[in-house]
Amino acid sequence: QVQLVESGGGLVQAGGSLRLSCSTSGESFRGYGMGWFSQASGKDRVLVTRISWNGDSATDADSVKGRFDVSRDNARNMVFLQMTRLKSDDTAVYYCAASPSFGVTASEYKYWGQGTLVTVSS
């Protein structure tokens, strides 16, 4: 089992930045692809960005390309999401998740954190 705990969410003005962190514990997460999902109120959970187990590959949703950057530190069992130039549309709960593969859908992710709320004020 892999336990995931997100932190770093909060209220920020449009144009601002936030850095989300995901700490992991339990079974080693080094073999897992990691993803960040967002879920706005009343909407489905969607993949924002993902990173391969060794950090060599990462993909971003079109809506965040050039603004968000995912990274991981396997030595510290951490995953990060640097969010810049935030927009009101980015307001959502953000979830960190672990996939045995380089998953693209929520169903491919086996472990989930509890989420952290990001609110962007316009």
PDB file of N, CA and C in Angstrom:
ATOM      1  N   GLN A   1       0.840  -1.201   0.000  1.00  0.00           N
ATOM      2  CA  GLN A   1       0.000   0.000   0.000  1.00  0.00           C
ATOM      3  C   GLN A   1       0.871   1.244   0.000  1.00  0.00           C
ATOM      4  N   VAL A   2       0.389   2.257  -0.675  1.00  0.00           N
ATOM      5  CA  VAL A   2       1.057   3.551  -0.704  1.00  0.00           C
ATOM      6  C   VAL A   2       0.088   4.577  -0.146  1.00  0.00           C
ATOM      7  N   GLN A   3       0.530   5.298   0.847  1.00  0.00           N
ATOM      8  CA  GLN A   3      -0.291   6.376   1.394  1.00  0.00           C
ATOM      9  C   GLN A   3       0.191   7.702   0.825  1.00  0.00           C
ATOM     10  N   LEU A   4      -0.757   8.531   0.453  1.00  0.00           N
ATOM     11  CA  LEU A   4      -0.441   9.812  -0.175  1.00  0.00           C
ATOM     12  C   LEU A   4      -1.115  10.936   0.601  1.00  0.00           C
ATOM     13  N   VAL A   5      -0.370  12.005   0.832  1.00  0.00           N
ATOM     14  CA  VAL A   5      -0.927  13.159   1.534  1.00  0.00           C
ATOM     15  C   VAL A   5      -0.510  14.424   0.792  1.00  0.00           C
ATOM     16  N   GLU A   6      -1.521  15.157   0.315  1.00  0.00           N
ATOM     17  CA  GLU A   6      -1.253  16.407  -0.384  1.00  0.00           C
ATOM     18  C   GLU A   6      -1.212  17.582   0.580  1.00  0.00           C
ATOM     19  N   SER A   7      -0.489  18.599   0.200  1.00  0.00           N
ATOM     20  CA  SER A   7      -0.450  19.843   0.970  1.00  0.00           C
ATOM     21  C   SER A   7      -0.105  20.978   0.026  1.00  0.00           C
ATOM     22  N   GLY A   8      -0.322  22.201   0.501  1.00  0.00           N
ATOM     23  CA  GLY A   8       0.080  23.366  -0.266  1.00  0.00           C
ATOM     24  C   GLY A   8      -1.058  24.127  -0.918  1.00  0.00           C
ATOM     25  N   GLY A   9      -2.275  23.600  -0.833  1.00  0.00           N
ATOM     26  CA  GLY A   9      -3.395  24.308  -1.417  1.00  0.00           C
ATOM     27  C   GLY A   9      -3.733  25.563  -0.625  1.00  0.00           C
ATOM     28  N   GLY A  10      -4.598  26.371  -1.207  1.00  0.00           N
ATOM     29  CA  GLY A  10      -5.004  27.589  -0.525  1.00  0.00           C
ATOM     30  C   GLY A  10      -5.659  28.565  -1.473  1.00  0.00           C
ATOM     31  N   LEU A  11      -5.783  29.786  -1.009  1.00  0.00           N
ATOM     32  CA  LEU A  11      -6.401  30.856  -1.781  1.00  0.00           C
ATOM     33  C   LEU A  11      -5.304  31.719  -2.388  1.00  0.00           C
ATOM     34  N   VAL A  12      -5.430  31.962  -3.682  1.00  0.00           N
ATOM     35  CA  VAL A  12      -4.430  32.763  -4.385  1.00  0.00           C
ATOM     36  C   VAL A  12      -5.146  33.622  -5.413  1.00  0.00           C
ATOM     37  N   GLN A  13      -4.590  34.766  -5.701  1.00  0.00           N
ATOM     38  CA  GLN A  13      -5.166  35.637  -6.721  1.00  0.00           C
ATOM     39  C   GLN A  13      -4.793  35.148  -8.111  1.00  0.00           C
ATOM     40  N   ALA A  14      -5.636  35.453  -9.040  1.00  0.00           N
ATOM     41  CA  ALA A  14      -5.347  35.103 -10.426  1.00  0.00           C
ATOM     42  C   ALA A  14      -3.995  35.690 -10.825  1.00  0.00           C
ATOM     43  N   GLY A  15      -3.226  34.881 -11.540  1.00  0.00           N
ATOM     44  CA  GLY A  15      -1.883  35.290 -11.917  1.00  0.00           C
ATOM     45  C   GLY A  15      -0.817  34.852 -10.941  1.00  0.00           C
ATOM     46  N   GLY A  16      -1.240  34.391  -9.778  1.00  0.00           N
ATOM     47  CA  GLY A  16      -0.296  33.978  -8.752  1.00  0.00           C
ATOM     48  C   GLY A  16       0.167  32.540  -8.929  1.00  0.00           C
ATOM     49  N   SER A  17       0.917  32.079  -7.950  1.00  0.00           N
ATOM     50  CA  SER A  17       1.515  30.741  -8.016  1.00  0.00           C
ATOM     51  C   SER A  17       1.275  29.986  -6.712  1.00  0.00           C
ATOM     52  N   LEU A  18       1.284  28.683  -6.830  1.00  0.00           N
ATOM     53  CA  LEU A  18       1.227  27.790  -5.680  1.00  0.00           C
ATOM     54  C   LEU A  18       2.079  26.576  -5.994  1.00  0.00           C
ATOM     55  N   ARG A  19       2.599  25.972  -4.951  1.00  0.00           N
ATOM     56  CA  ARG A  19       3.319  24.712  -5.116  1.00  0.00           C
ATOM     57  C   ARG A  19       2.658  23.663  -4.239  1.00  0.00           C
ATOM     58  N   LEU A  20       2.118  22.644  -4.895  1.00  0.00           N
ATOM     59  CA  LEU A  20       1.519  21.538  -4.166  1.00  0.00           C
ATOM     60  C   LEU A  20       2.567  20.461  -3.942  1.00  0.00           C
ATOM     61  N   SER A  21       2.464  19.831  -2.791  1.00  0.00           N
ATOM     62  CA  SER A  21       3.354  18.712  -2.471  1.00  0.00           C
ATOM     63  C   SER A  21       2.529  17.479  -2.173  1.00  0.00           C
ATOM     64  N   CYS A  22       3.103  16.354  -2.484  1.00  0.00           N
ATOM     65  CA  CYS A  22       2.477  15.062  -2.185  1.00  0.00           C
ATOM     66  C   CYS A  22       3.536  14.196  -1.514  1.00  0.00           C
ATOM     67  N   SER A  23       3.323  13.915  -0.261  1.00  0.00           N
ATOM     68  CA  SER A  23       4.254  13.041   0.446  1.00  0.00           C
ATOM     69  C   SER A  23       3.710  11.618   0.447  1.00  0.00           C
ATOM     70  N   THR A  24       4.598  10.669   0.335  1.00  0.00           N
ATOM     71  CA  THR A  24       4.186   9.273   0.257  1.00  0.00           C
ATOM     72  C   THR A  24       4.808   8.468   1.380  1.00  0.00           C
ATOM     73  N   SER A  25       4.145   7.410   1.744  1.00  0.00           N
ATOM     74  CA  SER A  25       4.674   6.506   2.750  1.00  0.00           C
ATOM     75  C   SER A  25       4.129   5.122   2.482  1.00  0.00           C
ATOM     76  N   GLY A  26       4.657   4.161   3.198  1.00  0.00           N
ATOM     77  CA  GLY A  26       4.247   2.782   2.985  1.00  0.00           C
ATOM     78  C   GLY A  26       5.150   2.128   1.945  1.00  0.00           C
ATOM     79  N   GLU A  27       4.542   1.327   1.116  1.00  0.00           N
ATOM     80  CA  GLU A  27       5.286   0.661   0.042  1.00  0.00           C
ATOM     81  C   GLU A  27       6.005   1.698  -0.807  1.00  0.00           C
ATOM     82  N   SER A  28       7.191   1.350  -1.278  1.00  0.00           N
ATOM     83  CA  SER A  28       7.955   2.281  -2.094  1.00  0.00           C
ATOM     84  C   SER A  28       7.164   2.724  -3.311  1.00  0.00           C
ATOM     85  N   PHE A  29       7.145   4.022  -3.531  1.00  0.00           N
ATOM     86  CA  PHE A  29       6.375   4.518  -4.662  1.00  0.00           C
ATOM     87  C   PHE A  29       7.256   4.708  -5.890  1.00  0.00           C
ATOM     88  N   ARG A  30       8.516   4.282  -5.769  1.00  0.00           N
ATOM     89  CA  ARG A  30       9.441   4.542  -6.872  1.00  0.00           C
ATOM     90  C   ARG A  30       9.035   3.846  -8.162  1.00  0.00           C
ATOM     91  N   GLY A  31       8.306   2.743  -8.058  1.00  0.00           N
ATOM     92  CA  GLY A  31       7.901   2.033  -9.263  1.00  0.00           C
ATOM     93  C   GLY A  31       6.599   2.548  -9.860  1.00  0.00           C
ATOM     94  N   TYR A  32       6.029   3.577  -9.275  1.00  0.00           N
ATOM     95  CA  TYR A  32       4.728   4.071  -9.695  1.00  0.00           C
ATOM     96  C   TYR A  32       4.826   5.348 -10.503  1.00  0.00           C
ATOM     97  N   GLY A  33       4.028   5.382 -11.569  1.00  0.00           N
ATOM     98  CA  GLY A  33       3.789   6.653 -12.209  1.00  0.00           C
ATOM     99  C   GLY A  33       2.898   7.483 -11.296  1.00  0.00           C
ATOM    100  N   MET A  34       3.107   8.782 -11.299  1.00  0.00           N
ATOM    101  CA  MET A  34       2.340   9.653 -10.413  1.00  0.00           C
ATOM    102  C   MET A  34       1.567  10.675 -11.225  1.00  0.00           C
ATOM    103  N   GLY A  35       0.380  10.955 -10.784  1.00  0.00           N
ATOM    104  CA  GLY A  35      -0.435  11.936 -11.474  1.00  0.00           C
ATOM    105  C   GLY A  35      -1.042  12.938 -10.519  1.00  0.00           C
ATOM    106  N   TRP A  36      -1.344  14.099 -11.062  1.00  0.00           N
ATOM    107  CA  TRP A  36      -2.137  15.097 -10.345  1.00  0.00           C
ATOM    108  C   TRP A  36      -3.449  15.271 -11.108  1.00  0.00           C
ATOM    109  N   PHE A  37      -4.528  15.144 -10.371  1.00  0.00           N
ATOM    110  CA  PHE A  37      -5.860  15.314 -10.937  1.00  0.00           C
ATOM    111  C   PHE A  37      -6.518  16.524 -10.305  1.00  0.00           C
ATOM    112  N   SER A  38      -7.397  17.149 -11.038  1.00  0.00           N
ATOM    113  CA  SER A  38      -8.204  18.222 -10.467  1.00  0.00           C
ATOM    114  C   SER A  38      -9.673  17.859 -10.586  1.00  0.00           C
ATOM    115  N   GLN A  39     -10.429  18.326  -9.616  1.00  0.00           N
ATOM    116  CA  GLN A  39     -11.877  18.116  -9.648  1.00  0.00           C
ATOM    117  C   GLN A  39     -12.553  19.393  -9.181  1.00  0.00           C
ATOM    118  N   ALA A  40     -13.140  20.087 -10.143  1.00  0.00           N
ATOM    119  CA  ALA A  40     -13.894  21.287  -9.821  1.00  0.00           C
ATOM    120  C   ALA A  40     -15.275  20.877  -9.323  1.00  0.00           C
ATOM    121  N   SER A  41     -15.900  21.763  -8.612  1.00  0.00           N
ATOM    122  CA  SER A  41     -17.207  21.467  -8.030  1.00  0.00           C
ATOM    123  C   SER A  41     -18.199  21.068  -9.108  1.00  0.00           C
ATOM    124  N   GLY A  42     -18.820  19.923  -8.937  1.00  0.00           N
ATOM    125  CA  GLY A  42     -19.823  19.454  -9.863  1.00  0.00           C
ATOM    126  C   GLY A  42     -19.279  18.842 -11.140  1.00  0.00           C
ATOM    127  N   LYS A  43     -17.971  18.689 -11.236  1.00  0.00           N
ATOM    128  CA  LYS A  43     -17.371  18.166 -12.463  1.00  0.00           C
ATOM    129  C   LYS A  43     -16.581  16.883 -12.184  1.00  0.00           C
ATOM    130  N   ASP A  44     -16.247  16.200 -13.240  1.00  0.00           N
ATOM    131  CA  ASP A  44     -15.481  14.969 -13.117  1.00  0.00           C
ATOM    132  C   ASP A  44     -14.024  15.273 -12.759  1.00  0.00           C
ATOM    133  N   ARG A  45     -13.385  14.270 -12.210  1.00  0.00           N
ATOM    134  CA  ARG A  45     -11.964  14.371 -11.909  1.00  0.00           C
ATOM    135  C   ARG A  45     -11.187  14.205 -13.212  1.00  0.00           C
ATOM    136  N   VAL A  46     -10.260  15.095 -13.477  1.00  0.00           N
ATOM    137  CA  VAL A  46      -9.500  15.050 -14.725  1.00  0.00           C
ATOM    138  C   VAL A  46      -8.004  15.083 -14.442  1.00  0.00           C
ATOM    139  N   LEU A  47      -7.265  14.429 -15.325  1.00  0.00           N
ATOM    140  CA  LEU A  47      -5.815  14.402 -15.191  1.00  0.00           C
ATOM    141  C   LEU A  47      -5.232  15.744 -15.616  1.00  0.00           C
ATOM    142  N   VAL A  48      -4.460  16.319 -14.745  1.00  0.00           N
ATOM    143  CA  VAL A  48      -3.802  17.592 -15.025  1.00  0.00           C
ATOM    144  C   VAL A  48      -2.404  17.356 -15.569  1.00  0.00           C
ATOM    145  N   THR A  49      -1.691  16.476 -14.916  1.00  0.00           N
ATOM    146  CA  THR A  49      -0.327  16.184 -15.327  1.00  0.00           C
ATOM    147  C   THR A  49       0.089  14.843 -14.743  1.00  0.00           C
ATOM    148  N   ARG A  50       1.082  14.212 -15.344  1.00  0.00           N
ATOM    149  CA  ARG A  50       1.565  12.934 -14.845  1.00  0.00           C
ATOM    150  C   ARG A  50       3.057  12.857 -15.090  1.00  0.00           C
ATOM    151  N   ILE A  51       3.702  12.018 -14.310  1.00  0.00           N
ATOM    152  CA  ILE A  51       5.147  11.854 -14.431  1.00  0.00           C
ATOM    153  C   ILE A  51       5.476  10.385 -14.253  1.00  0.00           C
ATOM    154  N   SER A  52       6.414   9.914 -15.037  1.00  0.00           N
ATOM    155  CA  SER A  52       6.793   8.506 -14.991  1.00  0.00           C
ATOM    156  C   SER A  52       7.546   8.187 -13.702  1.00  0.00           C
ATOM    157  N   TRP A  53       7.765   6.890 -13.475  1.00  0.00           N
ATOM    158  CA  TRP A  53       8.346   6.470 -12.218  1.00  0.00           C
ATOM    159  C   TRP A  53       9.733   7.054 -11.974  1.00  0.00           C
ATOM    160  N   ASN A  54      10.492   7.275 -13.047  1.00  0.00           N
ATOM    161  CA  ASN A  54      11.846   7.798 -12.879  1.00  0.00           C
ATOM    162  C   ASN A  54      11.949   9.281 -13.210  1.00  0.00           C
ATOM    163  N   GLY A  55      10.821   9.888 -13.542  1.00  0.00           N
ATOM    164  CA  GLY A  55      10.828  11.312 -13.827  1.00  0.00           C
ATOM    165  C   GLY A  55      11.252  11.675 -15.235  1.00  0.00           C
ATOM    166  N   ASP A  56      11.529  10.658 -16.063  1.00  0.00           N
ATOM    167  CA  ASP A  56      12.025  10.940 -17.412  1.00  0.00           C
ATOM    168  C   ASP A  56      10.939  11.427 -18.357  1.00  0.00           C
ATOM    169  N   SER A  57       9.708  11.079 -18.053  1.00  0.00           N
ATOM    170  CA  SER A  57       8.611  11.472 -18.933  1.00  0.00           C
ATOM    171  C   SER A  57       7.532  12.167 -18.126  1.00  0.00           C
ATOM    172  N   ALA A  58       6.956  13.175 -18.724  1.00  0.00           N
ATOM    173  CA  ALA A  58       5.854  13.894 -18.084  1.00  0.00           C
ATOM    174  C   ALA A  58       4.950  14.445 -19.178  1.00  0.00           C
ATOM    175  N   THR A  59       3.680  14.456 -18.913  1.00  0.00           N
ATOM    176  CA  THR A  59       2.741  15.041 -19.863  1.00  0.00           C
ATOM    177  C   THR A  59       1.768  15.932 -19.102  1.00  0.00           C
ATOM    178  N   ASP A  60       1.326  16.964 -19.763  1.00  0.00           N
ATOM    179  CA  ASP A  60       0.419  17.939 -19.165  1.00  0.00           C
ATOM    180  C   ASP A  60      -0.844  18.060 -19.996  1.00  0.00           C
ATOM    181  N   ALA A  61      -1.945  18.330 -19.347  1.00  0.00           N
ATOM    182  CA  ALA A  61      -3.171  18.658 -20.060  1.00  0.00           C
ATOM    183  C   ALA A  61      -2.963  19.980 -20.804  1.00  0.00           C
ATOM    184  N   ASP A  62      -3.656  20.129 -21.921  1.00  0.00           N
ATOM    185  CA  ASP A  62      -3.491  21.347 -22.726  1.00  0.00           C
ATOM    186  C   ASP A  62      -3.785  22.597 -21.906  1.00  0.00           C
ATOM    187  N   SER A  63      -4.721  22.490 -20.996  1.00  0.00           N
ATOM    188  CA  SER A  63      -5.147  23.658 -20.226  1.00  0.00           C
ATOM    189  C   SER A  63      -4.058  24.189 -19.296  1.00  0.00           C
ATOM    190  N   VAL A  64      -3.044  23.376 -19.001  1.00  0.00           N
ATOM    191  CA  VAL A  64      -2.023  23.821 -18.056  1.00  0.00           C
ATOM    192  C   VAL A  64      -0.630  23.871 -18.659  1.00  0.00           C
ATOM    193  N   LYS A  65      -0.511  23.523 -19.921  1.00  0.00           N
ATOM    194  CA  LYS A  65       0.818  23.526 -20.551  1.00  0.00           C
ATOM    195  C   LYS A  65       1.439  24.916 -20.478  1.00  0.00           C
ATOM    196  N   GLY A  66       2.702  24.915 -20.075  1.00  0.00           N
ATOM    197  CA  GLY A  66       3.418  26.172 -19.940  1.00  0.00           C
ATOM    198  C   GLY A  66       3.168  26.886 -18.622  1.00  0.00           C
ATOM    199  N   ARG A  67       2.226  26.382 -17.834  1.00  0.00           N
ATOM    200  CA  ARG A  67       1.914  27.025 -16.551  1.00  0.00           C
ATOM    201  C   ARG A  67       2.200  26.114 -15.365  1.00  0.00           C
ATOM    202  N   PHE A  68       1.974  24.832 -15.523  1.00  0.00           N
ATOM    203  CA  PHE A  68       2.168  23.871 -14.436  1.00  0.00           C
ATOM    204  C   PHE A  68       3.365  22.994 -14.755  1.00  0.00           C
ATOM    205  N   ASP A  69       4.059  22.588 -13.697  1.00  0.00           N
ATOM    206  CA  ASP A  69       5.221  21.721 -13.871  1.00  0.00           C
ATOM    207  C   ASP A  69       5.222  20.667 -12.768  1.00  0.00           C
ATOM    208  N   VAL A  70       5.293  19.398 -13.186  1.00  0.00           N
ATOM    209  CA  VAL A  70       5.316  18.299 -12.217  1.00  0.00           C
ATOM    210  C   VAL A  70       6.751  17.808 -12.054  1.00  0.00           C
ATOM    211  N   SER A  71       7.075  17.409 -10.847  1.00  0.00           N
ATOM    212  CA  SER A  71       8.392  16.845 -10.582  1.00  0.00           C
ATOM    213  C   SER A  71       8.273  15.854  -9.435  1.00  0.00           C
ATOM    214  N   ARG A  72       9.301  15.055  -9.274  1.00  0.00           N
ATOM    215  CA  ARG A  72       9.290  14.091  -8.176  1.00  0.00           C
ATOM    216  C   ARG A  72      10.702  13.928  -7.640  1.00  0.00           C
ATOM    217  N   ASP A  73      10.765  13.590  -6.383  1.00  0.00           N
ATOM    218  CA  ASP A  73      12.036  13.333  -5.712  1.00  0.00           C
ATOM    219  C   ASP A  73      11.903  11.967  -5.061  1.00  0.00           C
ATOM    220  N   ASN A  74      12.388  10.949  -5.742  1.00  0.00           N
ATOM    221  CA  ASN A  74      12.219   9.592  -5.231  1.00  0.00           C
ATOM    222  C   ASN A  74      13.007   9.359  -3.942  1.00  0.00           C
ATOM    223  N   ALA A  75      14.089  10.070  -3.760  1.00  0.00           N
ATOM    224  CA  ALA A  75      14.867   9.912  -2.528  1.00  0.00           C
ATOM    225  C   ALA A  75      14.091  10.403  -1.312  1.00  0.00           C
ATOM    226  N   ARG A  76      13.236  11.393  -1.538  1.00  0.00           N
ATOM    227  CA  ARG A  76      12.442  11.960  -0.445  1.00  0.00           C
ATOM    228  C   ARG A  76      10.994  11.488  -0.463  1.00  0.00           C
ATOM    229  N   ASN A  77      10.678  10.634  -1.427  1.00  0.00           N
ATOM    230  CA  ASN A  77       9.303  10.113  -1.548  1.00  0.00           C
ATOM    231  C   ASN A  77       8.293  11.246  -1.693  1.00  0.00           C
ATOM    232  N   MET A  78       8.612  12.184  -2.562  1.00  0.00           N
ATOM    233  CA  MET A  78       7.756  13.349  -2.734  1.00  0.00           C
ATOM    234  C   MET A  78       7.454  13.580  -4.211  1.00  0.00           C
ATOM    235  N   VAL A  79       6.299  14.144  -4.463  1.00  0.00           N
ATOM    236  CA  VAL A  79       5.911  14.611  -5.789  1.00  0.00           C
ATOM    237  C   VAL A  79       5.421  16.052  -5.634  1.00  0.00           C
ATOM    238  N   PHE A  80       5.709  16.857  -6.640  1.00  0.00           N
ATOM    239  CA  PHE A  80       5.374  18.274  -6.547  1.00  0.00           C
ATOM    240  C   PHE A  80       4.615  18.732  -7.787  1.00  0.00           C
ATOM    241  N   LEU A  81       3.795  19.735  -7.594  1.00  0.00           N
ATOM    242  CA  LEU A  81       3.123  20.394  -8.704  1.00  0.00           C
ATOM    243  C   LEU A  81       3.305  21.884  -8.523  1.00  0.00           C
ATOM    244  N   GLN A  82       4.149  22.451  -9.376  1.00  0.00           N
ATOM    245  CA  GLN A  82       4.344  23.897  -9.373  1.00  0.00           C
ATOM    246  C   GLN A  82       3.326  24.512 -10.307  1.00  0.00           C
ATOM    247  N   MET A  83       2.489  25.392  -9.760  1.00  0.00           N
ATOM    248  CA  MET A  83       1.411  26.005 -10.511  1.00  0.00           C
ATOM    249  C   MET A  83       1.698  27.499 -10.620  1.00  0.00           C
ATOM    250  N   THR A  84       1.749  27.996 -11.847  1.00  0.00           N
ATOM    251  CA  THR A  84       2.007  29.417 -12.068  1.00  0.00           C
ATOM    252  C   THR A  84       0.918  30.008 -12.953  1.00  0.00           C
ATOM    253  N   ARG A  85       0.872  31.313 -12.979  1.00  0.00           N
ATOM    254  CA  ARG A  85      -0.116  32.043 -13.794  1.00  0.00           C
ATOM    255  C   ARG A  85      -1.505  31.437 -13.615  1.00  0.00           C
ATOM    256  N   LEU A  86      -1.889  31.268 -12.380  1.00  0.00           N
ATOM    257  CA  LEU A  86      -3.152  30.613 -12.068  1.00  0.00           C
ATOM    258  C   LEU A  86      -4.339  31.428 -12.551  1.00  0.00           C
ATOM    259  N   LYS A  87      -5.364  30.702 -12.965  1.00  0.00           N
ATOM    260  CA  LYS A  87      -6.593  31.289 -13.463  1.00  0.00           C
ATOM    261  C   LYS A  87      -7.740  30.838 -12.575  1.00  0.00           C
ATOM    262  N   SER A  88      -8.841  31.566 -12.647  1.00  0.00           N
ATOM    263  CA  SER A  88     -10.016  31.171 -11.859  1.00  0.00           C
ATOM    264  C   SER A  88     -10.501  29.780 -12.246  1.00  0.00           C
ATOM    265  N   ASP A  89     -10.296  29.404 -13.508  1.00  0.00           N
ATOM    266  CA  ASP A  89     -10.711  28.073 -13.965  1.00  0.00           C
ATOM    267  C   ASP A  89      -9.894  26.948 -13.328  1.00  0.00           C
ATOM    268  N   ASP A  90      -8.768  27.289 -12.720  1.00  0.00           N
ATOM    269  CA  ASP A  90      -7.954  26.273 -12.052  1.00  0.00           C
ATOM    270  C   ASP A  90      -8.499  25.929 -10.667  1.00  0.00           C
ATOM    271  N   THR A  91      -9.502  26.664 -10.200  1.00  0.00           N
ATOM    272  CA  THR A  91     -10.082  26.383  -8.892  1.00  0.00           C
ATOM    273  C   THR A  91     -10.653  24.971  -8.856  1.00  0.00           C
ATOM    274  N   ALA A  92     -10.150  24.176  -7.923  1.00  0.00           N
ATOM    275  CA  ALA A  92     -10.551  22.776  -7.834  1.00  0.00           C
ATOM    276  C   ALA A  92      -9.874  22.144  -6.624  1.00  0.00           C
ATOM    277  N   VAL A  93     -10.316  20.943  -6.316  1.00  0.00           N
ATOM    278  CA  VAL A  93      -9.570  20.101  -5.395  1.00  0.00           C
ATOM    279  C   VAL A  93      -8.547  19.325  -6.236  1.00  0.00           C
ATOM    280  N   TYR A  94      -7.318  19.321  -5.788  1.00  0.00           N
ATOM    281  CA  TYR A  94      -6.244  18.640  -6.510  1.00  0.00           C
ATOM    282  C   TYR A  94      -5.835  17.394  -5.744  1.00  0.00           C
ATOM    283  N   TYR A  95      -5.772  16.296  -6.493  1.00  0.00           N
ATOM    284  CA  TYR A  95      -5.453  15.002  -5.914  1.00  0.00           C
ATOM    285  C   TYR A  95      -4.143  14.476  -6.496  1.00  0.00           C
ATOM    286  N   CYS A  96      -3.352  13.910  -5.634  1.00  0.00           N
ATOM    287  CA  CYS A  96      -2.162  13.178  -6.029  1.00  0.00           C
ATOM    288  C   CYS A  96      -2.551  11.699  -6.097  1.00  0.00           C
ATOM    289  N   ALA A  97      -2.054  11.000  -7.112  1.00  0.00           N
ATOM    290  CA  ALA A  97      -2.423   9.597  -7.266  1.00  0.00           C
ATOM    291  C   ALA A  97      -1.252   8.795  -7.825  1.00  0.00           C
ATOM    292  N   ALA A  98      -1.232   7.515  -7.508  1.00  0.00           N
ATOM    293  CA  ALA A  98      -0.155   6.620  -7.931  1.00  0.00           C
ATOM    294  C   ALA A  98      -0.691   5.526  -8.839  1.00  0.00           C
ATOM    295  N   SER A  99      -0.009   5.314  -9.957  1.00  0.00           N
ATOM    296  CA  SER A  99      -0.421   4.316 -10.940  1.00  0.00           C
ATOM    297  C   SER A  99       0.701   3.306 -11.157  1.00  0.00           C
ATOM    298  N   PRO A 100       0.375   2.002 -11.202  1.00  0.00           N
ATOM    299  CA  PRO A 100       1.407   1.002 -11.511  1.00  0.00           C
ATOM    300  C   PRO A 100       1.983   1.193 -12.909  1.00  0.00           C
ATOM    301  N   SER A 101       1.232   1.891 -13.755  1.00  0.00           N
ATOM    302  CA  SER A 101       1.709   2.192 -15.104  1.00  0.00           C
ATOM    303  C   SER A 101       1.735   3.700 -15.263  1.00  0.00           C
ATOM    304  N   PHE A 102       1.976   4.177 -16.430  1.00  0.00           N
ATOM    305  CA  PHE A 102       1.997   5.617 -16.719  1.00  0.00           C
ATOM    306  C   PHE A 102       0.573   5.978 -17.132  1.00  0.00           C
ATOM    307  N   GLY A 103      -0.344   5.911 -16.154  1.00  0.00           N
ATOM    308  CA  GLY A 103      -1.749   5.986 -16.454  1.00  0.00           C
ATOM    309  C   GLY A 103      -2.225   7.333 -16.982  1.00  0.00           C
ATOM    310  N   VAL A 104      -3.298   7.280 -17.777  1.00  0.00           N
ATOM    311  CA  VAL A 104      -3.900   8.513 -18.297  1.00  0.00           C
ATOM    312  C   VAL A 104      -5.333   8.690 -17.813  1.00  0.00           C
ATOM    313  N   THR A 105      -5.923   7.643 -17.280  1.00  0.00           N
ATOM    314  CA  THR A 105      -7.284   7.750 -16.771  1.00  0.00           C
ATOM    315  C   THR A 105      -7.297   7.476 -15.269  1.00  0.00           C
ATOM    316  N   ALA A 106      -8.298   8.007 -14.602  1.00  0.00           N
ATOM    317  CA  ALA A 106      -8.387   7.846 -13.160  1.00  0.00           C
ATOM    318  C   ALA A 106      -8.436   6.379 -12.750  1.00  0.00           C
ATOM    319  N   SER A 107      -9.055   5.559 -13.576  1.00  0.00           N
ATOM    320  CA  SER A 107      -9.195   4.137 -13.247  1.00  0.00           C
ATOM    321  C   SER A 107      -7.849   3.416 -13.219  1.00  0.00           C
ATOM    322  N   GLU A 108      -6.832   4.002 -13.827  1.00  0.00           N
ATOM    323  CA  GLU A 108      -5.512   3.373 -13.847  1.00  0.00           C
ATOM    324  C   GLU A 108      -4.687   3.709 -12.616  1.00  0.00           C
ATOM    325  N   TYR A 109      -5.223   4.557 -11.768  1.00  0.00           N
ATOM    326  CA  TYR A 109      -4.510   4.980 -10.572  1.00  0.00           C
ATOM    327  C   TYR A 109      -5.035   4.211  -9.375  1.00  0.00           C
ATOM    328  N   LYS A 110      -4.106   3.601  -8.679  1.00  0.00           N
ATOM    329  CA  LYS A 110      -4.468   2.655  -7.622  1.00  0.00           C
ATOM    330  C   LYS A 110      -4.610   3.331  -6.264  1.00  0.00           C
ATOM    331  N   TYR A 111      -3.770   4.311  -5.994  1.00  0.00           N
ATOM    332  CA  TYR A 111      -3.775   4.965  -4.690  1.00  0.00           C
ATOM    333  C   TYR A 111      -4.023   6.457  -4.868  1.00  0.00           C
ATOM    334  N   TRP A 112      -4.759   7.016  -3.898  1.00  0.00           N
ATOM    335  CA  TRP A 112      -5.151   8.419  -3.978  1.00  0.00           C
ATOM    336  C   TRP A 112      -4.934   9.104  -2.635  1.00  0.00           C
ATOM    337  N   GLY A 113      -4.593  10.391  -2.725  1.00  0.00           N
ATOM    338  CA  GLY A 113      -4.579  11.200  -1.534  1.00  0.00           C
ATOM    339  C   GLY A 113      -5.972  11.745  -1.251  1.00  0.00           C
ATOM    340  N   GLN A 114      -6.073  12.520  -0.212  1.00  0.00           N
ATOM    341  CA  GLN A 114      -7.375  13.054   0.198  1.00  0.00           C
ATOM    342  C   GLN A 114      -7.720  14.350  -0.515  1.00  0.00           C
ATOM    343  N   GLY A 115      -6.745  14.938  -1.191  1.00  0.00           N
ATOM    344  CA  GLY A 115      -6.991  16.151  -1.956  1.00  0.00           C
ATOM    345  C   GLY A 115      -6.656  17.410  -1.184  1.00  0.00           C
ATOM    346  N   THR A 116      -6.334  18.455  -1.924  1.00  0.00           N
ATOM    347  CA  THR A 116      -6.081  19.762  -1.334  1.00  0.00           C
ATOM    348  C   THR A 116      -6.762  20.800  -2.219  1.00  0.00           C
ATOM    349  N   LEU A 117      -7.449  21.745  -1.591  1.00  0.00           N
ATOM    350  CA  LEU A 117      -8.259  22.705  -2.312  1.00  0.00           C
ATOM    351  C   LEU A 117      -7.421  23.900  -2.754  1.00  0.00           C
ATOM    352  N   VAL A 118      -7.550  24.211  -4.029  1.00  0.00           N
ATOM    353  CA  VAL A 118      -6.930  25.411  -4.595  1.00  0.00           C
ATOM    354  C   VAL A 118      -8.054  26.330  -5.055  1.00  0.00           C
ATOM    355  N   THR A 119      -8.052  27.539  -4.547  1.00  0.00           N
ATOM    356  CA  THR A 119      -9.057  28.525  -4.928  1.00  0.00           C
ATOM    357  C   THR A 119      -8.349  29.736  -5.518  1.00  0.00           C
ATOM    358  N   VAL A 120      -8.715  30.052  -6.744  1.00  0.00           N
ATOM    359  CA  VAL A 120      -8.100  31.181  -7.435  1.00  0.00           C
ATOM    360  C   VAL A 120      -9.139  32.290  -7.557  1.00  0.00           C
ATOM    361  N   SER A 121      -8.860  33.400  -6.967  1.00  0.00           N
ATOM    362  CA  SER A 121      -9.803  34.527  -7.008  1.00  0.00           C
ATOM    363  C   SER A 121      -9.461  35.451  -8.172  1.00  0.00           C
ATOM    364  N   SER A 122     -10.501  35.909  -8.823  1.00  0.00           N
ATOM    365  CA  SER A 122     -10.279  36.773  -9.997  1.00  0.00           C
ATOM    366  C   SER A 122     -10.305  38.240  -9.607  1.00  0.00           C
TER     367      SER A 122
END
